[in-house]
């Protein structure tokens, strides 16, 4: 899942995000969702979330459990 649909993301989900300062390089940060910040059901650049460690960024991938 690519992280552009709010329905694909849940609290506690393992995700990869791009932080604001990393948007140019595309460097991804790994973590677990503490809070979903985007209110709309879809965002073309990714749903904005806060990770459990406090970092905020847009979801670029959701890591699915097997």
PDB file of N, CA and C in Angstrom:
ATOM      1  N   UNK A   1       0.849  -1.190   0.000  1.00  0.00           N
ATOM      2  CA  UNK A   1       0.000   0.000   0.000  1.00  0.00           C
ATOM      3  C   UNK A   1       0.889   1.246   0.000  1.00  0.00           C
ATOM      4  N   UNK A   2       0.467   2.248  -0.713  1.00  0.00           N
ATOM      5  CA  UNK A   2       1.328   3.415  -0.908  1.00  0.00           C
ATOM      6  C   UNK A   2       1.088   4.569   0.059  1.00  0.00           C
ATOM      7  N   UNK A   3       0.074   4.502   0.903  1.00  0.00           N
ATOM      8  CA  UNK A   3      -0.111   5.530   1.925  1.00  0.00           C
ATOM      9  C   UNK A   3      -0.889   6.756   1.508  1.00  0.00           C
ATOM     10  N   UNK A   4      -1.558   6.718   0.351  1.00  0.00           N
ATOM     11  CA  UNK A   4      -2.326   7.885  -0.081  1.00  0.00           C
ATOM     12  C   UNK A   4      -3.783   7.821   0.363  1.00  0.00           C
ATOM     13  N   UNK A   5      -4.256   6.631   0.788  1.00  0.00           N
ATOM     14  CA  UNK A   5      -5.630   6.477   1.271  1.00  0.00           C
ATOM     15  C   UNK A   5      -5.624   6.362   2.788  1.00  0.00           C
ATOM     16  N   UNK A   6      -6.427   7.181   3.444  1.00  0.00           N
ATOM     17  CA  UNK A   6      -6.498   7.185   4.904  1.00  0.00           C
ATOM     18  C   UNK A   6      -6.968   5.838   5.437  1.00  0.00           C
ATOM     19  N   UNK A   7      -7.850   5.165   4.707  1.00  0.00           N
ATOM     20  CA  UNK A   7      -8.403   3.881   5.148  1.00  0.00           C
ATOM     21  C   UNK A   7      -7.336   2.791   5.259  1.00  0.00           C
ATOM     22  N   UNK A   8      -6.214   2.937   4.552  1.00  0.00           N
ATOM     23  CA  UNK A   8      -5.145   1.934   4.583  1.00  0.00           C
ATOM     24  C   UNK A   8      -4.235   2.067   5.794  1.00  0.00           C
ATOM     25  N   UNK A   9      -4.402   3.148   6.562  1.00  0.00           N
ATOM     26  CA  UNK A   9      -3.498   3.458   7.675  1.00  0.00           C
ATOM     27  C   UNK A   9      -4.281   3.402   8.979  1.00  0.00           C
ATOM     28  N   UNK A  10      -3.703   2.759   9.983  1.00  0.00           N
ATOM     29  CA  UNK A  10      -4.357   2.693  11.282  1.00  0.00           C
ATOM     30  C   UNK A  10      -3.349   3.023  12.380  1.00  0.00           C
ATOM     31  N   UNK A  11      -3.854   3.374  13.543  1.00  0.00           N
ATOM     32  CA  UNK A  11      -2.996   3.656  14.695  1.00  0.00           C
ATOM     33  C   UNK A  11      -2.207   2.385  15.012  1.00  0.00           C
ATOM     34  N   UNK A  12      -0.906   2.536  15.203  1.00  0.00           N
ATOM     35  CA  UNK A  12      -0.048   1.393  15.497  1.00  0.00           C
ATOM     36  C   UNK A  12       0.507   0.701  14.267  1.00  0.00           C
ATOM     37  N   UNK A  13       0.080   1.131  13.074  1.00  0.00           N
ATOM     38  CA  UNK A  13       0.568   0.513  11.837  1.00  0.00           C
ATOM     39  C   UNK A  13       2.046   0.838  11.630  1.00  0.00           C
ATOM     40  N   UNK A  14       2.769  -0.113  11.056  1.00  0.00           N
ATOM     41  CA  UNK A  14       4.184   0.078  10.734  1.00  0.00           C
ATOM     42  C   UNK A  14       4.261   0.724   9.359  1.00  0.00           C
ATOM     43  N   UNK A  15       4.909   1.898   9.291  1.00  0.00           N
ATOM     44  CA  UNK A  15       4.933   2.661   8.044  1.00  0.00           C
ATOM     45  C   UNK A  15       6.321   3.218   7.747  1.00  0.00           C
ATOM     46  N   UNK A  16       6.480   3.665   6.505  1.00  0.00           N
ATOM     47  CA  UNK A  16       7.655   4.423   6.096  1.00  0.00           C
ATOM     48  C   UNK A  16       7.149   5.798   5.690  1.00  0.00           C
ATOM     49  N   UNK A  17       7.761   6.849   6.243  1.00  0.00           N
ATOM     50  CA  UNK A  17       7.343   8.215   5.932  1.00  0.00           C
ATOM     51  C   UNK A  17       8.523   9.007   5.389  1.00  0.00           C
ATOM     52  N   UNK A  18       8.193  10.111   4.729  1.00  0.00           N
ATOM     53  CA  UNK A  18       9.217  11.069   4.332  1.00  0.00           C
ATOM     54  C   UNK A  18       8.981  12.325   5.167  1.00  0.00           C
ATOM     55  N   UNK A  19      10.019  12.746   5.874  1.00  0.00           N
ATOM     56  CA  UNK A  19       9.945  13.950   6.699  1.00  0.00           C
ATOM     57  C   UNK A  19      10.025  15.183   5.813  1.00  0.00           C
ATOM     58  N   UNK A  20       9.532  16.321   6.299  1.00  0.00           N
ATOM     59  CA  UNK A  20       9.537  17.573   5.528  1.00  0.00           C
ATOM     60  C   UNK A  20      10.941  17.894   5.005  1.00  0.00           C
ATOM     61  N   UNK A  21      11.950  17.775   5.882  1.00  0.00           N
ATOM     62  CA  UNK A  21      13.312  18.136   5.478  1.00  0.00           C
ATOM     63  C   UNK A  21      13.928  17.115   4.520  1.00  0.00           C
ATOM     64  N   UNK A  22      13.310  15.936   4.375  1.00  0.00           N
ATOM     65  CA  UNK A  22      13.830  14.900   3.481  1.00  0.00           C
ATOM     66  C   UNK A  22      13.064  14.804   2.167  1.00  0.00           C
ATOM     67  N   UNK A  23      12.140  15.732   1.908  1.00  0.00           N
ATOM     68  CA  UNK A  23      11.329  15.641   0.702  1.00  0.00           C
ATOM     69  C   UNK A  23      12.155  15.715  -0.573  1.00  0.00           C
ATOM     70  N   UNK A  24      13.208  16.504  -0.590  1.00  0.00           N
ATOM     71  CA  UNK A  24      14.050  16.619  -1.783  1.00  0.00           C
ATOM     72  C   UNK A  24      14.819  15.333  -2.065  1.00  0.00           C
ATOM     73  N   UNK A  25      15.338  14.695  -1.011  1.00  0.00           N
ATOM     74  CA  UNK A  25      16.128  13.477  -1.189  1.00  0.00           C
ATOM     75  C   UNK A  25      15.262  12.230  -1.247  1.00  0.00           C
ATOM     76  N   UNK A  26      14.077  12.292  -0.647  1.00  0.00           N
ATOM     77  CA  UNK A  26      13.195  11.135  -0.620  1.00  0.00           C
ATOM     78  C   UNK A  26      13.584  10.101   0.419  1.00  0.00           C
ATOM     79  N   UNK A  27      14.472  10.473   1.349  1.00  0.00           N
ATOM     80  CA  UNK A  27      14.907   9.552   2.396  1.00  0.00           C
ATOM     81  C   UNK A  27      13.725   9.156   3.278  1.00  0.00           C
ATOM     82  N   UNK A  28      13.576   7.859   3.509  1.00  0.00           N
ATOM     83  CA  UNK A  28      12.437   7.354   4.274  1.00  0.00           C
ATOM     84  C   UNK A  28      12.807   7.107   5.729  1.00  0.00           C
ATOM     85  N   UNK A  29      11.838   7.326   6.598  1.00  0.00           N
ATOM     86  CA  UNK A  29      11.971   7.086   8.030  1.00  0.00           C
ATOM     87  C   UNK A  29      10.946   6.028   8.411  1.00  0.00           C
ATOM     88  N   UNK A  30      11.361   5.074   9.222  1.00  0.00           N
ATOM     89  CA  UNK A  30      10.528   3.943   9.599  1.00  0.00           C
ATOM     90  C   UNK A  30       9.975   4.155  11.008  1.00  0.00           C
ATOM     91  N   UNK A  31       8.715   3.760  11.222  1.00  0.00           N
ATOM     92  CA  UNK A  31       8.153   3.867  12.566  1.00  0.00           C
ATOM     93  C   UNK A  31       6.724   3.368  12.630  1.00  0.00           C
ATOM     94  N   UNK A  32       6.101   3.625  13.781  1.00  0.00           N
ATOM     95  CA  UNK A  32       4.731   3.189  14.035  1.00  0.00           C
ATOM     96  C   UNK A  32       3.838   4.403  14.249  1.00  0.00           C
ATOM     97  N   UNK A  33       2.642   4.378  13.667  1.00  0.00           N
ATOM     98  CA  UNK A  33       1.721   5.514  13.697  1.00  0.00           C
ATOM     99  C   UNK A  33       1.162   5.726  15.100  1.00  0.00           C
ATOM    100  N   UNK A  34       1.328   6.952  15.605  1.00  0.00           N
ATOM    101  CA  UNK A  34       0.710   7.344  16.866  1.00  0.00           C
ATOM    102  C   UNK A  34      -0.605   8.069  16.611  1.00  0.00           C
ATOM    103  N   UNK A  35      -0.612   8.912  15.565  1.00  0.00           N
ATOM    104  CA  UNK A  35      -1.790   9.723  15.257  1.00  0.00           C
ATOM    105  C   UNK A  35      -1.832  10.019  13.762  1.00  0.00           C
ATOM    106  N   UNK A  36      -3.031   9.982  13.183  1.00  0.00           N
ATOM    107  CA  UNK A  36      -3.230  10.344  11.779  1.00  0.00           C
ATOM    108  C   UNK A  36      -3.642  11.811  11.747  1.00  0.00           C
ATOM    109  N   UNK A  37      -2.883  12.642  11.042  1.00  0.00           N
ATOM    110  CA  UNK A  37      -3.107  14.085  11.049  1.00  0.00           C
ATOM    111  C   UNK A  37      -3.958  14.578   9.887  1.00  0.00           C
ATOM    112  N   UNK A  38      -3.940  13.882   8.752  1.00  0.00           N
ATOM    113  CA  UNK A  38      -4.733  14.290   7.585  1.00  0.00           C
ATOM    114  C   UNK A  38      -6.187  13.897   7.808  1.00  0.00           C
ATOM    115  N   UNK A  39      -7.091  14.847   7.603  1.00  0.00           N
ATOM    116  CA  UNK A  39      -8.524  14.590   7.809  1.00  0.00           C
ATOM    117  C   UNK A  39      -9.199  13.993   6.581  1.00  0.00           C
ATOM    118  N   UNK A  40      -8.723  14.334   5.382  1.00  0.00           N
ATOM    119  CA  UNK A  40      -9.373  13.854   4.158  1.00  0.00           C
ATOM    120  C   UNK A  40      -9.081  12.365   3.940  1.00  0.00           C
ATOM    121  N   UNK A  41      -9.912  11.705   3.143  1.00  0.00           N
ATOM    122  CA  UNK A  41      -9.776  10.267   2.908  1.00  0.00           C
ATOM    123  C   UNK A  41      -8.646   9.936   1.931  1.00  0.00           C
ATOM    124  N   UNK A  42      -8.181  10.942   1.161  1.00  0.00           N
ATOM    125  CA  UNK A  42      -7.125  10.729   0.175  1.00  0.00           C
ATOM    126  C   UNK A  42      -6.257  11.972   0.088  1.00  0.00           C
ATOM    127  N   UNK A  43      -4.954  11.776  -0.065  1.00  0.00           N
ATOM    128  CA  UNK A  43      -4.038  12.892  -0.314  1.00  0.00           C
ATOM    129  C   UNK A  43      -3.002  12.417  -1.325  1.00  0.00           C
ATOM    130  N   UNK A  44      -2.801  13.159  -2.433  1.00  0.00           N
ATOM    131  CA  UNK A  44      -1.908  12.698  -3.502  1.00  0.00           C
ATOM    132  C   UNK A  44      -0.436  12.546  -3.092  1.00  0.00           C
ATOM    133  N   UNK A  45      -0.008  13.236  -2.042  1.00  0.00           N
ATOM    134  CA  UNK A  45       1.393  13.140  -1.601  1.00  0.00           C
ATOM    135  C   UNK A  45       1.562  12.222  -0.401  1.00  0.00           C
ATOM    136  N   UNK A  46       0.481  11.635   0.065  1.00  0.00           N
ATOM    137  CA  UNK A  46       0.541  10.731   1.216  1.00  0.00           C
ATOM    138  C   UNK A  46      -0.156  11.334   2.427  1.00  0.00           C
ATOM    139  N   UNK A  47      -0.739  10.473   3.230  1.00  0.00           N
ATOM    140  CA  UNK A  47      -1.429  10.893   4.452  1.00  0.00           C
ATOM    141  C   UNK A  47      -0.382  11.318   5.484  1.00  0.00           C
ATOM    142  N   UNK A  48      -0.605  12.450   6.131  1.00  0.00           N
ATOM    143  CA  UNK A  48       0.334  12.947   7.127  1.00  0.00           C
ATOM    144  C   UNK A  48       0.051  12.296   8.479  1.00  0.00           C
ATOM    145  N   UNK A  49       1.112  11.761   9.104  1.00  0.00           N
ATOM    146  CA  UNK A  49       0.982  11.083  10.395  1.00  0.00           C
ATOM    147  C   UNK A  49       2.070  11.538  11.362  1.00  0.00           C
ATOM    148  N   UNK A  50       1.817  11.295  12.648  1.00  0.00           N
ATOM    149  CA  UNK A  50       2.840  11.469  13.692  1.00  0.00           C
ATOM    150  C   UNK A  50       3.231  10.072  14.152  1.00  0.00           C
ATOM    151  N   UNK A  51       4.531   9.802  14.170  1.00  0.00           N
ATOM    152  CA  UNK A  51       5.023   8.513  14.635  1.00  0.00           C
ATOM    153  C   UNK A  51       5.099   8.505  16.161  1.00  0.00           C
ATOM    154  N   UNK A  52       5.274   7.320  16.738  1.00  0.00           N
ATOM    155  CA  UNK A  52       5.352   7.184  18.193  1.00  0.00           C
ATOM    156  C   UNK A  52       6.526   7.959  18.786  1.00  0.00           C
ATOM    157  N   UNK A  53       7.581   8.184  17.992  1.00  0.00           N
ATOM    158  CA  UNK A  53       8.735   8.954  18.495  1.00  0.00           C
ATOM    159  C   UNK A  53       8.574  10.460  18.279  1.00  0.00           C
ATOM    160  N   UNK A  54       7.404  10.898  17.763  1.00  0.00           N
ATOM    161  CA  UNK A  54       7.116  12.322  17.624  1.00  0.00           C
ATOM    162  C   UNK A  54       7.396  12.916  16.258  1.00  0.00           C
ATOM    163  N   UNK A  55       8.033  12.179  15.366  1.00  0.00           N
ATOM    164  CA  UNK A  55       8.326  12.701  14.032  1.00  0.00           C
ATOM    165  C   UNK A  55       7.052  12.751  13.193  1.00  0.00           C
ATOM    166  N   UNK A  56       6.951  13.790  12.339  1.00  0.00           N
ATOM    167  CA  UNK A  56       5.773  13.985  11.501  1.00  0.00           C
ATOM    168  C   UNK A  56       6.191  13.955  10.044  1.00  0.00           C
ATOM    169  N   UNK A  57       5.424  13.222   9.231  1.00  0.00           N
ATOM    170  CA  UNK A  57       5.718  13.168   7.807  1.00  0.00           C
ATOM    171  C   UNK A  57       4.583  12.513   7.047  1.00  0.00           C
ATOM    172  N   UNK A  58       4.772  12.398   5.742  1.00  0.00           N
ATOM    173  CA  UNK A  58       3.751  11.808   4.883  1.00  0.00           C
ATOM    174  C   UNK A  58       4.100  10.352   4.574  1.00  0.00           C
ATOM    175  N   UNK A  59       3.088   9.490   4.676  1.00  0.00           N
ATOM    176  CA  UNK A  59       3.277   8.057   4.482  1.00  0.00           C
ATOM    177  C   UNK A  59       3.594   7.760   3.020  1.00  0.00           C
ATOM    178  N   UNK A  60       4.671   7.030   2.800  1.00  0.00           N
ATOM    179  CA  UNK A  60       5.061   6.586   1.463  1.00  0.00           C
ATOM    180  C   UNK A  60       4.882   5.084   1.305  1.00  0.00           C
ATOM    181  N   UNK A  61       4.713   4.381   2.413  1.00  0.00           N
ATOM    182  CA  UNK A  61       4.482   2.940   2.336  1.00  0.00           C
ATOM    183  C   UNK A  61       4.001   2.400   3.668  1.00  0.00           C
ATOM    184  N   UNK A  62       3.099   1.417   3.586  1.00  0.00           N
ATOM    185  CA  UNK A  62       2.609   0.734   4.778  1.00  0.00           C
ATOM    186  C   UNK A  62       3.188  -0.672   4.741  1.00  0.00           C
ATOM    187  N   UNK A  63       3.841  -1.063   5.826  1.00  0.00           N
ATOM    188  CA  UNK A  63       4.450  -2.386   5.905  1.00  0.00           C
ATOM    189  C   UNK A  63       3.384  -3.350   6.416  1.00  0.00           C
ATOM    190  N   UNK A  64       3.031  -4.294   5.559  1.00  0.00           N
ATOM    191  CA  UNK A  64       1.961  -5.231   5.888  1.00  0.00           C
ATOM    192  C   UNK A  64       2.503  -6.413   6.669  1.00  0.00           C
ATOM    193  N   UNK A  65       1.743  -6.842   7.656  1.00  0.00           N
ATOM    194  CA  UNK A  65       2.123  -8.022   8.442  1.00  0.00           C
ATOM    195  C   UNK A  65       1.693  -9.274   7.699  1.00  0.00           C
ATOM    196  N   UNK A  66       2.522 -10.307   7.786  1.00  0.00           N
ATOM    197  CA  UNK A  66       2.195 -11.575   7.110  1.00  0.00           C
ATOM    198  C   UNK A  66       1.356 -12.466   7.997  1.00  0.00           C
TER     199      UNK A  66
END
